[in-house]
Amino acid sequence: MDLILTPGRVCQNGKPVTSQAADFQKFARDMRAAGLAVLQAARTKNQEKVSDRK
């Protein structure tokens, strides 16, 4: 499980994280995909791919 989707988390202002909202779920999936892409590029020591922005 991704930590960002851990149930019971609260925002800095003390309000609950809306982790069940569809847009938040998409945001979390997109962040995970981006992180995995950077990890793969880093493992191949390909600086161009690490720095590539889409």
C-alpha atoms as a PDB file:
ATOM      1  CA  MET A   1       0.000   0.000   0.000  1.00  0.00           C
ATOM      2  CA  ASP A   2       1.204   3.493  -0.769  1.00  0.00           C
ATOM      3  CA  LEU A   3       1.718   5.588   2.349  1.00  0.00           C
ATOM      4  CA  ILE A   4      -0.190   8.498   0.840  1.00  0.00           C
ATOM      5  CA  LEU A   5      -3.320   6.302   0.795  1.00  0.00           C
ATOM      6  CA  THR A   6      -2.977   5.084   4.386  1.00  0.00           C
ATOM      7  CA  PRO A   7      -6.378   5.339   6.087  1.00  0.00           C
ATOM      8  CA  GLY A   8      -6.724   7.747   9.007  1.00  0.00           C
ATOM      9  CA  ARG A   9      -4.187  10.330   7.829  1.00  0.00           C
ATOM     10  CA  VAL A  10      -4.900  13.988   8.560  1.00  0.00           C
ATOM     11  CA  CYS A  11      -3.844  17.141   6.754  1.00  0.00           C
ATOM     12  CA  GLN A  12      -1.637  19.770   8.358  1.00  0.00           C
ATOM     13  CA  ASN A  13      -4.793  21.678   9.318  1.00  0.00           C
ATOM     14  CA  GLY A  14      -6.126  18.648  11.216  1.00  0.00           C
ATOM     15  CA  LYS A  15      -8.809  17.733   8.691  1.00  0.00           C
ATOM     16  CA  PRO A  16      -8.945  14.150   7.379  1.00  0.00           C
ATOM     17  CA  VAL A  17      -7.227  13.384   4.078  1.00  0.00           C
ATOM     18  CA  THR A  18      -9.775  12.729   1.354  1.00  0.00           C
ATOM     19  CA  SER A  19      -7.984   9.566   0.275  1.00  0.00           C
ATOM     20  CA  GLN A  20     -11.212   7.934  -0.919  1.00  0.00           C
ATOM     21  CA  ALA A  21     -11.967  10.705  -3.427  1.00  0.00           C
ATOM     22  CA  ALA A  22     -11.519   9.619  -7.055  1.00  0.00           C
ATOM     23  CA  ASP A  23      -9.278  12.569  -7.940  1.00  0.00           C
ATOM     24  CA  PHE A  24      -7.042  11.903  -4.938  1.00  0.00           C
ATOM     25  CA  GLN A  25      -6.791   8.217  -5.894  1.00  0.00           C
ATOM     26  CA  LYS A  26      -5.742   9.238  -9.432  1.00  0.00           C
ATOM     27  CA  PHE A  27      -3.204  11.701  -8.035  1.00  0.00           C
ATOM     28  CA  ALA A  28      -1.709   8.946  -5.855  1.00  0.00           C
ATOM     29  CA  ARG A  29      -1.520   6.489  -8.778  1.00  0.00           C
ATOM     30  CA  ASP A  30       0.121   9.119 -11.002  1.00  0.00           C
ATOM     31  CA  MET A  31       2.664   9.988  -8.293  1.00  0.00           C
ATOM     32  CA  ARG A  32       3.501   6.317  -7.821  1.00  0.00           C
ATOM     33  CA  ALA A  33       3.965   5.814 -11.574  1.00  0.00           C
ATOM     34  CA  ALA A  34       6.235   8.859 -11.806  1.00  0.00           C
ATOM     35  CA  GLY A  35       8.284   7.681  -8.839  1.00  0.00           C
ATOM     36  CA  LEU A  36       8.709   4.215 -10.324  1.00  0.00           C
ATOM     37  CA  ALA A  37       9.800   5.723 -13.665  1.00  0.00           C
ATOM     38  CA  VAL A  38      12.449   7.841 -11.930  1.00  0.00           C
ATOM     39  CA  LEU A  39      13.602   4.846  -9.897  1.00  0.00           C
ATOM     40  CA  GLN A  40      14.004   2.760 -13.060  1.00  0.00           C
ATOM     41  CA  ALA A  41      15.910   5.564 -14.802  1.00  0.00           C
ATOM     42  CA  ALA A  42      18.150   5.988 -11.761  1.00  0.00           C
ATOM     43  CA  ARG A  43      18.899   2.261 -11.681  1.00  0.00           C
ATOM     44  CA  THR A  44      20.077   2.437 -15.288  1.00  0.00           C
ATOM     45  CA  LYS A  45      22.083   5.555 -14.429  1.00  0.00           C
ATOM     46  CA  ASN A  46      20.355   7.421 -17.243  1.00  0.00           C
ATOM     47  CA  GLN A  47      20.414  11.069 -16.191  1.00  0.00           C
ATOM     48  CA  GLU A  48      18.403  12.199 -19.239  1.00  0.00           C
ATOM     49  CA  LYS A  49      15.466   9.960 -18.252  1.00  0.00           C
ATOM     50  CA  VAL A  50      15.699  11.014 -14.601  1.00  0.00           C
ATOM     51  CA  SER A  51      15.481  14.663 -15.634  1.00  0.00           C
ATOM     52  CA  ASP A  52      12.859  14.096 -18.351  1.00  0.00           C
ATOM     53  CA  ARG A  53       9.588  15.905 -17.618  1.00  0.00           C
ATOM     54  CA  LYS A  54       6.360  14.947 -19.317  1.00  0.00           C
END
